N, C-alpha and C. Protein backbone atom coordinates (compact mmCIF):
# COMPACT_ATOMS: atom_id res chain seq x y z
N MET A 1 -11.44 2.48 23.66
CA MET A 1 -11.44 1.11 23.14
C MET A 1 -12.38 0.22 23.97
N LEU A 2 -12.32 0.40 25.28
CA LEU A 2 -13.16 -0.40 26.17
C LEU A 2 -14.64 -0.09 25.96
N LEU A 3 -14.93 1.20 25.80
CA LEU A 3 -16.32 1.62 25.58
C LEU A 3 -16.84 1.07 24.26
N ARG A 4 -15.98 1.05 23.26
CA ARG A 4 -16.36 0.54 21.95
C ARG A 4 -16.67 -0.96 22.03
N CYS A 5 -15.86 -1.69 22.77
CA CYS A 5 -16.06 -3.12 22.94
C CYS A 5 -17.38 -3.40 23.66
N ALA A 6 -17.63 -2.60 24.69
CA ALA A 6 -18.87 -2.76 25.47
C ALA A 6 -20.08 -2.45 24.60
N ASN A 7 -19.95 -1.42 23.76
CA ASN A 7 -21.04 -1.04 22.87
C ASN A 7 -21.34 -2.16 21.88
N SER A 8 -20.30 -2.78 21.35
CA SER A 8 -20.46 -3.87 20.39
C SER A 8 -21.15 -5.06 21.05
N SER A 9 -20.74 -5.35 22.28
CA SER A 9 -21.33 -6.47 23.02
C SER A 9 -22.80 -6.19 23.30
N ASN A 10 -23.10 -4.95 23.66
CA ASN A 10 -24.48 -4.57 23.95
C ASN A 10 -25.35 -4.72 22.71
N LEU A 11 -24.81 -4.32 21.56
CA LEU A 11 -25.55 -4.42 20.31
C LEU A 11 -25.84 -5.88 19.97
N LEU A 12 -24.85 -6.75 20.22
CA LEU A 12 -25.02 -8.17 19.94
C LEU A 12 -26.12 -8.76 20.81
N VAL A 13 -26.12 -8.41 22.08
CA VAL A 13 -27.14 -8.90 23.01
C VAL A 13 -28.51 -8.38 22.58
N PHE A 14 -28.57 -7.12 22.19
CA PHE A 14 -29.83 -6.52 21.75
C PHE A 14 -30.37 -7.24 20.51
N THR A 15 -29.49 -7.53 19.56
CA THR A 15 -29.91 -8.23 18.35
C THR A 15 -30.42 -9.62 18.67
N ARG A 16 -29.74 -10.30 19.58
CA ARG A 16 -30.15 -11.65 19.98
C ARG A 16 -31.51 -11.62 20.67
N LEU A 17 -31.72 -10.59 21.47
CA LEU A 17 -33.01 -10.43 22.17
C LEU A 17 -34.13 -10.19 21.15
N ILE A 18 -33.85 -9.36 20.17
CA ILE A 18 -34.85 -9.07 19.12
C ILE A 18 -35.20 -10.35 18.35
N LEU A 19 -34.18 -11.11 17.98
CA LEU A 19 -34.41 -12.36 17.25
C LEU A 19 -35.21 -13.34 18.09
N PHE A 20 -34.90 -13.41 19.38
CA PHE A 20 -35.60 -14.31 20.29
C PHE A 20 -37.09 -13.97 20.33
N PHE A 21 -37.39 -12.68 20.50
CA PHE A 21 -38.79 -12.25 20.55
C PHE A 21 -39.48 -12.42 19.20
N TYR A 22 -38.71 -12.19 18.12
CA TYR A 22 -39.28 -12.30 16.77
C TYR A 22 -39.71 -13.73 16.47
N PHE A 23 -38.88 -14.68 16.89
CA PHE A 23 -39.20 -16.08 16.63
C PHE A 23 -40.22 -16.63 17.63
N LYS A 24 -40.31 -16.01 18.81
CA LYS A 24 -41.23 -16.48 19.83
C LYS A 24 -42.64 -15.92 19.62
N LEU A 25 -42.73 -14.79 18.91
CA LEU A 25 -44.02 -14.15 18.68
C LEU A 25 -44.99 -15.06 17.91
N PRO A 26 -44.60 -15.62 16.76
CA PRO A 26 -45.52 -16.47 15.99
C PRO A 26 -45.63 -17.88 16.58
């Protein structure tokens, strides 16, 4: 359960990072 929660949090951070770079690129 703990690993699953950590994985979900990691995915959220990764998505936010991708969005940040995507909007900062143009």
